[in-house]
Amino acid sequence: MSDQRGDADVPTVKASADGIAGLQRNSVEMPPSAYIRRAAETVSPQPIDNHLERIALLMDQSIRIPGTDIRFGLDPVIGFFFPVAGDAIGAIVSAYIVLVSVKYGLPKIVIARMVFNIAADFVVGSIPFLGDAADFVWKVNTRNLRLLNKYASGKRGSFWSDWAWVLILFGVLFVLLFGVIALIFWAFKASGRWII
């Protein structure tokens, strides 16, 4: 006996912008092979560097508030307990992520954007209480990894000009970090509320 189902009974997948809407019989919206191709295009690619993914997870999303989907990492916690020094530590970890990312052939504008993200996180994070709240939302390492995963060519590696560009940007970032720290210490000293 042969199978008498024919094409009329073959389930097809009804696709929508956000994935599978359901299986329907006798429907010709989209054949399964076309859906599989479409789904493969929408799935996020594998991370470029798993080591950097783990660092970003630790710094930005390692702690979950029970009963919610709200996640945060060590970056806002360190910044809260050690006001400016914690933000500087977070900036150094973020700088490491950018330095490792350079070897994947990122365009210079993307590297500049990554360093800008670090600078913005440090400057805003240095503001007491407001900066700590912003650290819960900004998640600089996750943002920079999204840029890495989106723009890494992987084909060309890095050139000396990429490293020179990074050194210039980090030089500016270092001057900014040192300037903010010096300004805060000067403000405490001038106000007579010297803590240390």
N, C-alpha and C. Protein backbone atom coordinates (compact mmCIF):
# COMPACT_ATOMS: atom_id res chain seq x y z
N MET A 1 0.82 -1.17 0.00
CA MET A 1 0.00 0.00 0.00
C MET A 1 0.88 1.25 0.00
N SER A 2 0.56 2.21 -0.78
CA SER A 2 1.35 3.43 -0.84
C SER A 2 0.69 4.53 -0.01
N ASP A 3 1.48 5.51 0.30
CA ASP A 3 0.98 6.63 1.08
C ASP A 3 0.14 7.52 0.17
N GLN A 4 -1.09 7.78 0.52
CA GLN A 4 -2.03 8.52 -0.30
C GLN A 4 -2.20 9.98 0.15
N ARG A 5 -1.32 10.49 1.01
CA ARG A 5 -1.53 11.84 1.55
C ARG A 5 -1.43 12.91 0.48
N GLY A 6 -0.44 12.84 -0.34
CA GLY A 6 -0.28 13.86 -1.38
C GLY A 6 0.17 15.20 -0.79
N ASP A 7 0.26 16.19 -1.64
CA ASP A 7 0.73 17.51 -1.23
C ASP A 7 -0.31 18.27 -0.42
N ALA A 8 -1.57 17.88 -0.52
CA ALA A 8 -2.61 18.64 0.18
C ALA A 8 -2.52 18.49 1.68
N ASP A 9 -1.95 17.39 2.17
CA ASP A 9 -1.88 17.17 3.61
C ASP A 9 -0.52 17.51 4.21
N VAL A 10 0.46 17.93 3.41
CA VAL A 10 1.78 18.26 3.92
C VAL A 10 1.69 19.56 4.70
N PRO A 11 2.13 19.53 5.97
CA PRO A 11 2.04 20.78 6.74
C PRO A 11 3.02 21.81 6.20
N THR A 12 2.58 23.02 6.14
CA THR A 12 3.45 24.12 5.77
C THR A 12 3.48 25.09 6.94
N VAL A 13 4.44 25.94 6.91
CA VAL A 13 4.64 26.86 8.02
C VAL A 13 4.17 28.24 7.60
N LYS A 14 3.35 28.82 8.42
CA LYS A 14 2.92 30.19 8.18
C LYS A 14 3.93 31.10 8.86
N ALA A 15 4.60 31.91 8.09
CA ALA A 15 5.65 32.76 8.63
C ALA A 15 5.13 34.16 8.87
N SER A 16 5.68 34.76 9.88
CA SER A 16 5.37 36.16 10.15
C SER A 16 6.68 36.87 10.40
N ALA A 17 6.61 38.17 10.63
CA ALA A 17 7.83 38.94 10.85
C ALA A 17 8.57 38.46 12.09
N ASP A 18 7.88 37.94 13.08
CA ASP A 18 8.55 37.50 14.28
C ASP A 18 8.63 35.98 14.41
N GLY A 19 8.60 35.26 13.33
CA GLY A 19 8.86 33.84 13.41
C GLY A 19 7.68 33.00 13.00
N ILE A 20 7.56 31.83 13.60
CA ILE A 20 6.51 30.89 13.25
C ILE A 20 5.20 31.33 13.88
N ALA A 21 4.18 31.46 13.06
CA ALA A 21 2.87 31.77 13.60
C ALA A 21 2.13 30.48 13.91
N GLY A 22 2.54 29.41 13.32
CA GLY A 22 1.93 28.11 13.62
C GLY A 22 1.99 27.21 12.41
N LEU A 23 1.72 25.94 12.62
CA LEU A 23 1.65 24.98 11.53
C LEU A 23 0.22 24.90 11.05
N GLN A 24 0.04 24.91 9.75
CA GLN A 24 -1.29 24.80 9.20
C GLN A 24 -1.27 23.78 8.07
N ARG A 25 -2.30 22.97 8.00
CA ARG A 25 -2.42 22.01 6.91
C ARG A 25 -3.12 22.70 5.74
N ASN A 26 -2.80 22.22 4.55
CA ASN A 26 -3.42 22.70 3.32
C ASN A 26 -3.20 24.20 3.12
N SER A 27 -2.09 24.73 3.56
CA SER A 27 -1.79 26.14 3.41
C SER A 27 -0.56 26.28 2.53
N VAL A 28 -0.49 27.32 1.75
CA VAL A 28 0.64 27.51 0.85
C VAL A 28 1.32 28.86 1.10
N GLU A 29 1.23 29.39 2.33
CA GLU A 29 1.86 30.67 2.62
C GLU A 29 3.36 30.64 2.34
N MET A 30 4.06 29.64 2.89
CA MET A 30 5.49 29.54 2.71
C MET A 30 5.90 28.09 2.91
N PRO A 31 6.62 27.50 1.98
CA PRO A 31 7.06 26.13 2.18
C PRO A 31 8.10 26.07 3.29
N PRO A 32 8.24 24.91 3.95
CA PRO A 32 9.17 24.79 5.08
C PRO A 32 10.60 25.15 4.74
N SER A 33 11.07 24.80 3.55
CA SER A 33 12.46 25.11 3.20
C SER A 33 12.70 26.61 3.14
N ALA A 34 11.72 27.38 2.65
CA ALA A 34 11.87 28.83 2.60
C ALA A 34 11.87 29.42 4.00
N TYR A 35 11.05 28.84 4.90
CA TYR A 35 11.04 29.33 6.26
C TYR A 35 12.37 29.07 6.95
N ILE A 36 12.94 27.90 6.72
CA ILE A 36 14.23 27.57 7.34
C ILE A 36 15.30 28.54 6.89
N ARG A 37 15.32 28.87 5.59
CA ARG A 37 16.30 29.85 5.10
C ARG A 37 16.08 31.20 5.77
N ARG A 38 14.81 31.61 5.87
CA ARG A 38 14.48 32.90 6.48
C ARG A 38 14.86 32.92 7.96
N ALA A 39 14.58 31.83 8.67
CA ALA A 39 14.91 31.75 10.08
C ALA A 39 16.42 31.78 10.29
N ALA A 40 17.16 31.15 9.40
CA ALA A 40 18.62 31.16 9.52
C ALA A 40 19.18 32.56 9.35
N GLU A 41 18.52 33.39 8.53
CA GLU A 41 18.98 34.76 8.35
C GLU A 41 18.69 35.62 9.56
N THR A 42 17.62 35.32 10.30
CA THR A 42 17.25 36.17 11.43
C THR A 42 17.92 35.75 12.73
N VAL A 43 18.46 34.56 12.82
CA VAL A 43 19.13 34.10 14.03
C VAL A 43 20.43 34.86 14.18
N SER A 44 20.71 35.31 15.39
CA SER A 44 21.94 36.06 15.60
C SER A 44 23.14 35.14 15.37
N PRO A 45 24.19 35.65 14.76
CA PRO A 45 25.36 34.83 14.49
C PRO A 45 26.08 34.45 15.78
N GLN A 46 26.92 33.46 15.65
CA GLN A 46 27.74 33.06 16.79
C GLN A 46 28.63 34.22 17.19
N PRO A 47 28.93 34.35 18.49
CA PRO A 47 29.81 35.44 18.90
C PRO A 47 31.19 35.29 18.27
N ILE A 48 31.81 36.41 18.00
CA ILE A 48 33.13 36.42 17.39
C ILE A 48 34.17 35.89 18.37
N ASP A 49 34.10 36.30 19.62
CA ASP A 49 35.10 35.92 20.63
C ASP A 49 34.38 35.54 21.91
N ASN A 50 34.39 34.28 22.26
CA ASN A 50 33.69 33.80 23.47
C ASN A 50 34.29 34.38 24.75
N HIS A 51 35.60 34.59 24.77
CA HIS A 51 36.26 35.18 25.94
C HIS A 51 35.70 36.57 26.23
N LEU A 52 35.54 37.37 25.20
CA LEU A 52 34.99 38.71 25.38
C LEU A 52 33.51 38.65 25.77
N GLU A 53 32.80 37.68 25.24
CA GLU A 53 31.39 37.50 25.62
C GLU A 53 31.27 37.21 27.12
N ARG A 54 32.16 36.37 27.65
CA ARG A 54 32.12 36.06 29.09
C ARG A 54 32.44 37.28 29.94
N ILE A 55 33.39 38.08 29.50
CA ILE A 55 33.73 39.31 30.25
C ILE A 55 32.54 40.26 30.25
N ALA A 56 31.91 40.45 29.09
CA ALA A 56 30.76 41.34 29.01
C ALA A 56 29.60 40.82 29.86
N LEU A 57 29.40 39.52 29.86
CA LEU A 57 28.35 38.92 30.68
C LEU A 57 28.62 39.19 32.16
N LEU A 58 29.85 39.02 32.59
CA LEU A 58 30.21 39.26 33.98
C LEU A 58 30.03 40.73 34.37
N MET A 59 30.43 41.62 33.51
CA MET A 59 30.38 43.05 33.84
C MET A 59 28.99 43.67 33.66
N ASP A 60 28.16 43.10 32.77
CA ASP A 60 26.88 43.75 32.44
C ASP A 60 25.63 42.96 32.80
N GLN A 61 25.70 41.62 32.87
CA GLN A 61 24.46 40.87 33.00
C GLN A 61 24.57 39.64 33.90
N SER A 62 25.51 39.57 34.78
CA SER A 62 25.73 38.35 35.56
C SER A 62 24.76 38.17 36.73
N ILE A 63 24.09 39.22 37.16
CA ILE A 63 23.20 39.14 38.32
C ILE A 63 21.77 39.43 37.85
N ARG A 64 20.85 38.56 38.22
CA ARG A 64 19.44 38.76 37.86
C ARG A 64 18.65 39.05 39.13
N ILE A 65 17.78 40.04 39.05
CA ILE A 65 16.90 40.33 40.18
C ILE A 65 15.82 39.26 40.19
N PRO A 66 15.69 38.52 41.29
CA PRO A 66 14.73 37.42 41.34
C PRO A 66 13.30 37.86 41.02
N GLY A 67 12.63 37.05 40.22
CA GLY A 67 11.25 37.32 39.86
C GLY A 67 11.09 38.29 38.70
N THR A 68 12.20 38.77 38.15
CA THR A 68 12.15 39.70 37.02
C THR A 68 13.13 39.25 35.96
N ASP A 69 13.10 39.93 34.84
CA ASP A 69 14.08 39.71 33.79
C ASP A 69 15.17 40.78 33.80
N ILE A 70 15.22 41.57 34.85
CA ILE A 70 16.20 42.66 34.96
C ILE A 70 17.53 42.06 35.36
N ARG A 71 18.54 42.37 34.56
CA ARG A 71 19.89 41.84 34.81
C ARG A 71 20.88 43.00 34.87
N PHE A 72 21.88 42.83 35.70
CA PHE A 72 22.98 43.79 35.76
C PHE A 72 24.22 43.01 36.14
N GLY A 73 25.36 43.65 36.02
CA GLY A 73 26.61 42.96 36.29
C GLY A 73 27.43 43.65 37.36
N LEU A 74 28.71 43.35 37.35
CA LEU A 74 29.61 43.92 38.36
C LEU A 74 29.91 45.39 38.13
N ASP A 75 29.76 45.87 36.91
CA ASP A 75 30.10 47.27 36.61
C ASP A 75 29.35 48.26 37.49
N PRO A 76 28.01 48.22 37.57
CA PRO A 76 27.33 49.18 38.45
C PRO A 76 27.59 48.92 39.94
N VAL A 77 27.82 47.67 40.32
CA VAL A 77 28.08 47.34 41.73
C VAL A 77 29.42 47.93 42.17
N ILE A 78 30.45 47.72 41.35
CA ILE A 78 31.78 48.28 41.67
C ILE A 78 31.71 49.80 41.68
N GLY A 79 31.00 50.37 40.71
CA GLY A 79 30.86 51.83 40.65
C GLY A 79 30.12 52.40 41.84
N PHE A 80 29.18 51.64 42.40
CA PHE A 80 28.43 52.12 43.56
C PHE A 80 29.28 52.10 44.82
N PHE A 81 30.02 51.01 45.05
CA PHE A 81 30.80 50.89 46.28
C PHE A 81 32.11 51.66 46.25
N PHE A 82 32.67 51.91 45.07
CA PHE A 82 33.91 52.67 44.93
C PHE A 82 33.67 53.75 43.89
N PRO A 83 33.09 54.89 44.30
CA PRO A 83 32.53 55.86 43.36
C PRO A 83 33.34 56.18 42.10
N VAL A 84 34.47 56.76 42.12
CA VAL A 84 35.17 57.09 40.88
C VAL A 84 36.13 55.97 40.50
N ALA A 85 36.76 55.37 41.49
CA ALA A 85 37.70 54.29 41.22
C ALA A 85 37.00 53.10 40.57
N GLY A 86 35.78 52.79 41.00
CA GLY A 86 35.04 51.69 40.40
C GLY A 86 34.70 51.95 38.95
N ASP A 87 34.38 53.20 38.62
CA ASP A 87 34.11 53.54 37.23
C ASP A 87 35.38 53.47 36.39
N ALA A 88 36.52 53.83 37.00
CA ALA A 88 37.80 53.71 36.29
C ALA A 88 38.13 52.24 36.04
N ILE A 89 37.86 51.37 37.02
CA ILE A 89 38.08 49.92 36.84
C ILE A 89 37.21 49.40 35.71
N GLY A 90 35.94 49.80 35.68
CA GLY A 90 35.05 49.40 34.60
C GLY A 90 35.53 49.89 33.25
N ALA A 91 36.07 51.10 33.20
CA ALA A 91 36.60 51.64 31.94
C ALA A 91 37.82 50.86 31.48
N ILE A 92 38.65 50.41 32.41
CA ILE A 92 39.83 49.63 32.04
C ILE A 92 39.42 48.28 31.48
N VAL A 93 38.44 47.62 32.09
CA VAL A 93 37.94 46.35 31.57
C VAL A 93 37.33 46.55 30.18
N SER A 94 36.57 47.62 30.02
CA SER A 94 35.97 47.91 28.71
C SER A 94 37.05 48.22 27.67
N ALA A 95 38.11 48.89 28.08
CA ALA A 95 39.22 49.18 27.17
C ALA A 95 39.90 47.89 26.71
N TYR A 96 40.01 46.93 27.60
CA TYR A 96 40.58 45.63 27.23
C TYR A 96 39.74 44.98 26.13
N ILE A 97 38.43 45.06 26.26
CA ILE A 97 37.55 44.48 25.23
C ILE A 97 37.79 45.15 23.89
N VAL A 98 37.96 46.46 23.88
CA VAL A 98 38.21 47.17 22.63
C VAL A 98 39.57 46.79 22.06
N LEU A 99 40.58 46.69 22.91
CA LEU A 99 41.92 46.31 22.43
C LEU A 99 41.91 44.94 21.77
N VAL A 100 41.22 44.00 22.36
CA VAL A 100 41.15 42.66 21.76
C VAL A 100 40.31 42.70 20.48
N SER A 101 39.31 43.56 20.43
CA SER A 101 38.44 43.65 19.26
C SER A 101 39.14 44.18 18.02
N VAL A 102 40.20 44.95 18.20
CA VAL A 102 40.88 45.57 17.07
C VAL A 102 41.41 44.50 16.11
N LYS A 103 41.82 43.37 16.63
CA LYS A 103 42.42 42.34 15.77
C LYS A 103 41.43 41.71 14.79
N TYR A 104 40.15 42.01 14.92
CA TYR A 104 39.14 41.44 14.03
C TYR A 104 38.82 42.33 12.83
N GLY A 105 39.63 43.33 12.59
CA GLY A 105 39.47 44.15 11.40
C GLY A 105 38.29 45.11 11.42
N LEU A 106 38.02 45.71 12.57
CA LEU A 106 36.92 46.67 12.67
C LEU A 106 37.28 47.96 11.94
N PRO A 107 36.31 48.60 11.32
CA PRO A 107 36.56 49.93 10.74
C PRO A 107 36.91 50.93 11.85
N LYS A 108 37.68 51.93 11.50
CA LYS A 108 38.12 52.91 12.49
C LYS A 108 36.97 53.66 13.14
N ILE A 109 35.90 53.90 12.40
CA ILE A 109 34.76 54.61 12.97
C ILE A 109 34.07 53.76 14.04
N VAL A 110 34.07 52.46 13.86
CA VAL A 110 33.48 51.57 14.87
C VAL A 110 34.35 51.54 16.12
N ILE A 111 35.65 51.54 15.94
CA ILE A 111 36.56 51.60 17.09
C ILE A 111 36.34 52.90 17.85
N ALA A 112 36.20 54.00 17.11
CA ALA A 112 35.95 55.30 17.76
C ALA A 112 34.63 55.28 18.52
N ARG A 113 33.63 54.64 17.95
CA ARG A 113 32.34 54.56 18.64
C ARG A 113 32.45 53.74 19.92
N MET A 114 33.23 52.66 19.88
CA MET A 114 33.42 51.83 21.07
C MET A 114 34.12 52.62 22.18
N VAL A 115 35.15 53.38 21.81
CA VAL A 115 35.85 54.20 22.80
C VAL A 115 34.94 55.31 23.31
N PHE A 116 34.12 55.90 22.44
CA PHE A 116 33.15 56.90 22.89
C PHE A 116 32.18 56.30 23.91
N ASN A 117 31.72 55.06 23.67
CA ASN A 117 30.84 54.39 24.62
C ASN A 117 31.50 54.28 26.00
N ILE A 118 32.79 53.94 26.00
CA ILE A 118 33.52 53.82 27.27
C ILE A 118 33.62 55.18 27.95
N ALA A 119 33.96 56.22 27.19
CA ALA A 119 34.10 57.56 27.76
C ALA A 119 32.76 58.05 28.33
N ALA A 120 31.67 57.83 27.59
CA ALA A 120 30.36 58.27 28.07
C ALA A 120 29.97 57.51 29.33
N ASP A 121 30.26 56.22 29.36
CA ASP A 121 29.96 55.42 30.55
C ASP A 121 30.75 55.91 31.75
N PHE A 122 32.02 56.25 31.54
CA PHE A 122 32.84 56.72 32.66
C PHE A 122 32.37 58.08 33.16
N VAL A 123 32.13 59.01 32.24
CA VAL A 123 31.75 60.37 32.66
C VAL A 123 30.40 60.35 33.38
N VAL A 124 29.42 59.68 32.79
CA VAL A 124 28.10 59.64 33.42
C VAL A 124 28.14 58.78 34.68
N GLY A 125 28.89 57.69 34.65
CA GLY A 125 29.00 56.81 35.81
C GLY A 125 29.68 57.45 37.00
N SER A 126 30.48 58.48 36.77
CA SER A 126 31.18 59.16 37.87
C SER A 126 30.27 60.08 38.67
N ILE A 127 29.09 60.37 38.17
CA ILE A 127 28.13 61.21 38.90
C ILE A 127 27.49 60.35 39.99
N PRO A 128 27.60 60.76 41.25
CA PRO A 128 27.06 59.92 42.33
C PRO A 128 25.56 59.64 42.15
N PHE A 129 25.17 58.44 42.42
CA PHE A 129 23.79 57.91 42.39
C PHE A 129 23.18 57.93 40.98
N LEU A 130 23.17 59.07 40.30
CA LEU A 130 22.64 59.14 38.94
C LEU A 130 23.48 58.27 38.00
N GLY A 131 24.78 58.34 38.15
CA GLY A 131 25.67 57.53 37.32
C GLY A 131 25.54 56.05 37.60
N ASP A 132 25.31 55.70 38.85
CA ASP A 132 25.13 54.29 39.20
C ASP A 132 23.83 53.76 38.58
N ALA A 133 22.79 54.58 38.59
CA ALA A 133 21.53 54.18 37.95
C ALA A 133 21.72 54.04 36.44
N ALA A 134 22.51 54.92 35.85
CA ALA A 134 22.76 54.85 34.41
C ALA A 134 23.55 53.60 34.04
N ASP A 135 24.44 53.15 34.93
CA ASP A 135 25.21 51.94 34.67
C ASP A 135 24.32 50.71 34.55
N PHE A 136 23.17 50.72 35.20
CA PHE A 136 22.25 49.59 35.09
C PHE A 136 21.64 49.51 33.69
N VAL A 137 21.55 50.66 33.02
CA VAL A 137 20.88 50.73 31.73
C VAL A 137 21.87 50.72 30.56
N TRP A 138 22.97 51.45 30.69
CA TRP A 138 23.88 51.69 29.56
C TRP A 138 24.58 50.42 29.09
N LYS A 139 25.13 49.59 29.94
CA LYS A 139 25.78 48.31 29.61
C LYS A 139 26.77 48.47 28.45
N VAL A 140 27.84 49.19 28.71
CA VAL A 140 28.80 49.55 27.67
C VAL A 140 29.46 48.33 27.04
N ASN A 141 29.76 47.32 27.81
CA ASN A 141 30.44 46.15 27.25
C ASN A 141 29.54 45.37 26.29
N THR A 142 28.28 45.26 26.63
CA THR A 142 27.32 44.60 25.74
C THR A 142 27.15 45.39 24.45
N ARG A 143 27.10 46.71 24.56
CA ARG A 143 27.00 47.56 23.37
C ARG A 143 28.22 47.37 22.47
N ASN A 144 29.40 47.36 23.08
CA ASN A 144 30.62 47.22 22.28
C ASN A 144 30.71 45.84 21.65
N LEU A 145 30.24 44.81 22.32
CA LEU A 145 30.26 43.48 21.72
C LEU A 145 29.26 43.39 20.56
N ARG A 146 28.14 44.08 20.66
CA ARG A 146 27.21 44.11 19.53
C ARG A 146 27.88 44.75 18.32
N LEU A 147 28.63 45.83 18.56
CA LEU A 147 29.36 46.46 17.46
C LEU A 147 30.41 45.51 16.89
N LEU A 148 31.12 44.80 17.75
CA LEU A 148 32.12 43.85 17.28
C LEU A 148 31.47 42.76 16.43
N ASN A 149 30.40 42.17 16.93
CA ASN A 149 29.74 41.09 16.20
C ASN A 149 29.12 41.57 14.89
N LYS A 150 28.73 42.83 14.84
CA LYS A 150 28.10 43.35 13.63
C LYS A 150 29.12 43.74 12.56
N TYR A 151 30.24 44.33 12.96
CA TYR A 151 31.16 44.92 11.99
C TYR A 151 32.48 44.17 11.81
N ALA A 152 32.73 43.14 12.58
CA ALA A 152 34.01 42.43 12.44
C ALA A 152 34.05 41.72 11.10
N SER A 153 35.06 42.01 10.33
CA SER A 153 35.19 41.36 9.03
C SER A 153 35.88 40.02 9.20
N GLY A 154 36.85 39.96 10.10
CA GLY A 154 37.57 38.71 10.32
C GLY A 154 38.48 38.36 9.16
N LYS A 155 38.35 39.05 8.05
CA LYS A 155 39.12 38.71 6.86
C LYS A 155 40.47 39.40 6.84
N ARG A 156 40.52 40.60 7.34
CA ARG A 156 41.74 41.36 7.12
C ARG A 156 42.61 41.53 8.36
N GLY A 157 42.21 41.25 9.52
CA GLY A 157 43.06 41.48 10.69
C GLY A 157 43.25 42.96 10.93
N SER A 158 44.30 43.30 11.64
CA SER A 158 44.53 44.70 11.96
C SER A 158 45.84 45.18 11.34
N PHE A 159 45.89 46.48 11.06
CA PHE A 159 47.07 47.12 10.51
C PHE A 159 47.68 48.03 11.58
N TRP A 160 48.88 48.52 11.32
CA TRP A 160 49.52 49.42 12.28
C TRP A 160 48.70 50.68 12.46
N SER A 161 47.99 51.11 11.40
CA SER A 161 47.19 52.33 11.51
C SER A 161 46.00 52.13 12.46
N ASP A 162 45.48 50.89 12.52
CA ASP A 162 44.40 50.61 13.46
C ASP A 162 44.90 50.76 14.90
N TRP A 163 46.09 50.23 15.15
CA TRP A 163 46.65 50.32 16.51
C TRP A 163 47.01 51.77 16.85
N ALA A 164 47.52 52.54 15.87
CA ALA A 164 47.81 53.95 16.12
C ALA A 164 46.53 54.71 16.46
N TRP A 165 45.46 54.41 15.72
CA TRP A 165 44.16 55.04 15.97
C TRP A 165 43.67 54.72 17.38
N VAL A 166 43.79 53.46 17.77
CA VAL A 166 43.36 53.04 19.11
C VAL A 166 44.20 53.74 20.18
N LEU A 167 45.50 53.82 19.97
CA LEU A 167 46.35 54.50 20.96
C LEU A 167 46.00 55.98 21.09
N ILE A 168 45.69 56.62 19.99
CA ILE A 168 45.27 58.04 20.05
C ILE A 168 43.97 58.16 20.83
N LEU A 169 43.00 57.31 20.50
CA LEU A 169 41.71 57.37 21.20
C LEU A 169 41.85 57.07 22.68
N PHE A 170 42.66 56.07 23.02
CA PHE A 170 42.85 55.75 24.42
C PHE A 170 43.67 56.82 25.13
N GLY A 171 44.54 57.51 24.42
CA GLY A 171 45.24 58.64 25.01
C GLY A 171 44.26 59.74 25.41
N VAL A 172 43.32 60.02 24.53
CA VAL A 172 42.28 61.01 24.84
C VAL A 172 41.42 60.52 26.01
N LEU A 173 41.08 59.22 26.00
CA LEU A 173 40.28 58.65 27.10
C LEU A 173 41.04 58.73 28.42
N PHE A 174 42.35 58.45 28.39
CA PHE A 174 43.15 58.53 29.62
C PHE A 174 43.18 59.96 30.15
N VAL A 175 43.34 60.93 29.27
CA VAL A 175 43.34 62.33 29.71
C VAL A 175 41.98 62.67 30.33
N LEU A 176 40.91 62.17 29.73
CA LEU A 176 39.57 62.39 30.28
C LEU A 176 39.44 61.74 31.66
N LEU A 177 39.86 60.48 31.78
CA LEU A 177 39.78 59.78 33.06
C LEU A 177 40.58 60.53 34.13
N PHE A 178 41.82 60.86 33.80
CA PHE A 178 42.68 61.55 34.76
C PHE A 178 42.11 62.92 35.10
N GLY A 179 41.56 63.62 34.11
CA GLY A 179 40.99 64.94 34.35
C GLY A 179 39.78 64.89 35.27
N VAL A 180 38.91 63.93 35.08
CA VAL A 180 37.73 63.81 35.94
C VAL A 180 38.14 63.46 37.37
N ILE A 181 39.07 62.52 37.50
CA ILE A 181 39.53 62.14 38.85
C ILE A 181 40.20 63.32 39.54
N ALA A 182 41.06 64.04 38.81
CA ALA A 182 41.73 65.21 39.39
C ALA A 182 40.72 66.30 39.77
N LEU A 183 39.71 66.49 38.94
CA LEU A 183 38.68 67.49 39.23
C LEU A 183 37.90 67.13 40.48
N ILE A 184 37.58 65.88 40.64
CA ILE A 184 36.83 65.45 41.83
C ILE A 184 37.68 65.62 43.09
N PHE A 185 38.95 65.22 43.04
CA PHE A 185 39.82 65.41 44.20
C PHE A 185 40.02 66.89 44.52
N TRP A 186 40.17 67.71 43.49
CA TRP A 186 40.32 69.15 43.70
C TRP A 186 39.06 69.72 44.36
N ALA A 187 37.87 69.27 43.91
CA ALA A 187 36.62 69.76 44.48
C ALA A 187 36.50 69.39 45.96
N PHE A 188 36.88 68.16 46.30
CA PHE A 188 36.84 67.75 47.71
C PHE A 188 37.85 68.55 48.54
N LYS A 189 39.02 68.77 48.01
CA LYS A 189 40.04 69.50 48.74
C LYS A 189 39.63 70.96 48.93
N ALA A 190 39.04 71.55 47.91
CA ALA A 190 38.62 72.95 47.99
C ALA A 190 37.44 73.13 48.94
N SER A 191 36.59 72.12 49.05
CA SER A 191 35.43 72.25 49.92
C SER A 191 35.76 71.94 51.38
N GLY A 192 36.94 71.43 51.64
CA GLY A 192 37.34 71.12 53.00
C GLY A 192 36.82 69.80 53.49
N ARG A 193 36.23 69.01 52.64
CA ARG A 193 35.69 67.71 53.01
C ARG A 193 36.58 66.60 52.49
N TRP A 194 37.81 66.70 52.77
CA TRP A 194 38.78 65.73 52.29
C TRP A 194 38.55 64.40 52.97
N ILE A 195 38.27 63.37 52.20
CA ILE A 195 37.93 62.07 52.75
C ILE A 195 39.18 61.28 53.11
N ILE A 196 40.15 61.32 52.24
CA ILE A 196 41.33 60.48 52.41
C ILE A 196 42.37 61.13 53.25
